[in-house]
Amino acid sequence: MANKYYVYVYLDPRKPNKYVYGNYQFEYEPFYVGKGKERQWLVHLQEAESSRPSRKCGNPWKVNKIRKILKEGLESSRRDILI
């Protein structure tokens, strides 16, 4: 049976370094960890790119951080971890 859910991590490309958390290693600073299925990870990018974020925005810090990364012409890296 295939996994329905996955864990994804948003990384800040402005902060390169070696970040180690248990068995996981990242090349950029992780700033958000989420669990989703299908294309859930895209919701955060769409919200940040929108001029009118959804009313359900539960984490304005995350949205603002993604906006700052995009404004600098960068993309937030993402890494999937299947569970």
C-alpha atoms as a PDB file:
ATOM      1  CA  MET A   1       0.000   0.000   0.000  1.00  0.00           C
ATOM      2  CA  ALA A   2       1.410   3.387  -0.979  1.00  0.00           C
ATOM      3  CA  ASN A   3       1.908   6.129   1.569  1.00  0.00           C
ATOM      4  CA  LYS A   4      -0.908   8.667   1.565  1.00  0.00           C
ATOM      5  CA  TYR A   5       0.991  11.236   3.595  1.00  0.00           C
ATOM      6  CA  TYR A   6       4.445  12.728   3.530  1.00  0.00           C
ATOM      7  CA  VAL A   7       6.394  15.165   5.658  1.00  0.00           C
ATOM      8  CA  TYR A   8       7.896  18.183   3.912  1.00  0.00           C
ATOM      9  CA  VAL A   9      10.418  20.738   5.071  1.00  0.00           C
ATOM     10  CA  TYR A  10      10.797  24.285   3.780  1.00  0.00           C
ATOM     11  CA  LEU A  11      14.400  25.487   3.683  1.00  0.00           C
ATOM     12  CA  ASP A  12      15.741  29.046   3.609  1.00  0.00           C
ATOM     13  CA  PRO A  13      18.219  29.334   0.690  1.00  0.00           C
ATOM     14  CA  ARG A  14      19.587  32.556   2.191  1.00  0.00           C
ATOM     15  CA  LYS A  15      21.077  30.593   5.085  1.00  0.00           C
ATOM     16  CA  PRO A  16      23.362  27.864   3.734  1.00  0.00           C
ATOM     17  CA  ASN A  17      25.101  25.670   6.262  1.00  0.00           C
ATOM     18  CA  LYS A  18      25.049  22.114   7.535  1.00  0.00           C
ATOM     19  CA  TYR A  19      21.933  21.548   9.630  1.00  0.00           C
ATOM     20  CA  VAL A  20      21.623  18.131  11.212  1.00  0.00           C
ATOM     21  CA  TYR A  21      18.532  16.915  13.045  1.00  0.00           C
ATOM     22  CA  GLY A  22      18.810  13.267  14.025  1.00  0.00           C
ATOM     23  CA  ASN A  23      19.124  11.256  10.801  1.00  0.00           C
ATOM     24  CA  TYR A  24      18.257  14.226   8.594  1.00  0.00           C
ATOM     25  CA  GLN A  25      20.750  16.662   7.148  1.00  0.00           C
ATOM     26  CA  PHE A  26      19.914  19.849   5.268  1.00  0.00           C
ATOM     27  CA  GLU A  27      22.077  22.251   3.247  1.00  0.00           C
ATOM     28  CA  TYR A  28      19.928  25.235   4.222  1.00  0.00           C
ATOM     29  CA  GLU A  29      18.206  26.297   7.414  1.00  0.00           C
ATOM     30  CA  PRO A  30      14.840  24.544   7.877  1.00  0.00           C
ATOM     31  CA  PHE A  31      12.077  26.944   8.877  1.00  0.00           C
ATOM     32  CA  TYR A  32       8.866  24.977   8.462  1.00  0.00           C
ATOM     33  CA  VAL A  33       7.900  21.310   8.730  1.00  0.00           C
ATOM     34  CA  GLY A  34       4.504  20.123   7.563  1.00  0.00           C
ATOM     35  CA  LYS A  35       2.580  16.937   6.904  1.00  0.00           C
ATOM     36  CA  GLY A  36       0.421  16.578   3.843  1.00  0.00           C
ATOM     37  CA  LYS A  37      -0.817  14.548   0.953  1.00  0.00           C
ATOM     38  CA  GLU A  38      -1.003  15.185  -2.761  1.00  0.00           C
ATOM     39  CA  ARG A  39       0.180  18.785  -3.366  1.00  0.00           C
ATOM     40  CA  GLN A  40      -0.322  20.209   0.130  1.00  0.00           C
ATOM     41  CA  TRP A  41       3.185  21.706   0.155  1.00  0.00           C
ATOM     42  CA  LEU A  42       2.129  24.078  -2.648  1.00  0.00           C
ATOM     43  CA  VAL A  43      -0.575  25.739  -0.550  1.00  0.00           C
ATOM     44  CA  HIS A  44       2.033  27.721   1.403  1.00  0.00           C
ATOM     45  CA  LEU A  45       3.682  29.040  -1.760  1.00  0.00           C
ATOM     46  CA  GLN A  46       0.341  29.975  -3.296  1.00  0.00           C
ATOM     47  CA  GLU A  47      -0.654  31.785  -0.122  1.00  0.00           C
ATOM     48  CA  ALA A  48       2.631  33.705  -0.034  1.00  0.00           C
ATOM     49  CA  GLU A  49       2.338  34.663  -3.703  1.00  0.00           C
ATOM     50  CA  SER A  50      -1.237  35.832  -3.263  1.00  0.00           C
ATOM     51  CA  SER A  51      -1.827  39.517  -2.659  1.00  0.00           C
ATOM     52  CA  ARG A  52      -4.715  38.516  -0.413  1.00  0.00           C
ATOM     53  CA  PRO A  53      -3.785  35.590   1.821  1.00  0.00           C
ATOM     54  CA  SER A  54      -6.583  33.285   2.863  1.00  0.00           C
ATOM     55  CA  ARG A  55      -8.365  33.957   6.114  1.00  0.00           C
ATOM     56  CA  LYS A  56      -7.206  30.556   7.318  1.00  0.00           C
ATOM     57  CA  CYS A  57      -3.604  31.754   7.475  1.00  0.00           C
ATOM     58  CA  GLY A  58      -2.589  30.278  10.800  1.00  0.00           C
ATOM     59  CA  ASN A  59       1.084  31.153  10.503  1.00  0.00           C
ATOM     60  CA  PRO A  60       1.745  34.682   9.212  1.00  0.00           C
ATOM     61  CA  TRP A  61       5.429  34.351  10.172  1.00  0.00           C
ATOM     62  CA  LYS A  62       5.830  31.455   7.695  1.00  0.00           C
ATOM     63  CA  VAL A  63       3.995  33.318   4.916  1.00  0.00           C
ATOM     64  CA  ASN A  64       6.072  36.471   5.450  1.00  0.00           C
ATOM     65  CA  LYS A  65       9.315  34.486   5.412  1.00  0.00           C
ATOM     66  CA  ILE A  66       8.363  32.818   2.121  1.00  0.00           C
ATOM     67  CA  ARG A  67       7.421  36.235   0.697  1.00  0.00           C
ATOM     68  CA  LYS A  68      10.817  37.670   1.646  1.00  0.00           C
ATOM     69  CA  ILE A  69      12.594  34.739   0.004  1.00  0.00           C
ATOM     70  CA  LEU A  70      10.539  35.159  -3.181  1.00  0.00           C
ATOM     71  CA  LYS A  71      11.056  38.937  -3.171  1.00  0.00           C
ATOM     72  CA  GLU A  72      14.826  38.351  -3.274  1.00  0.00           C
ATOM     73  CA  GLY A  73      14.330  36.300  -6.436  1.00  0.00           C
ATOM     74  CA  LEU A  74      14.994  33.013  -4.680  1.00  0.00           C
ATOM     75  CA  GLU A  75      12.880  29.945  -4.163  1.00  0.00           C
ATOM     76  CA  SER A  76      12.387  28.184  -0.887  1.00  0.00           C
ATOM     77  CA  SER A  77      13.879  24.739  -1.158  1.00  0.00           C
ATOM     78  CA  ARG A  78      11.704  21.841  -0.140  1.00  0.00           C
ATOM     79  CA  ARG A  79      12.586  18.332   0.910  1.00  0.00           C
ATOM     80  CA  ASP A  80      10.130  15.475   1.243  1.00  0.00           C
ATOM     81  CA  ILE A  81      10.390  12.767   3.852  1.00  0.00           C
ATOM     82  CA  LEU A  82       7.977   9.887   3.243  1.00  0.00           C
ATOM     83  CA  ILE A  83       6.272   8.374   6.265  1.00  0.00           C
END
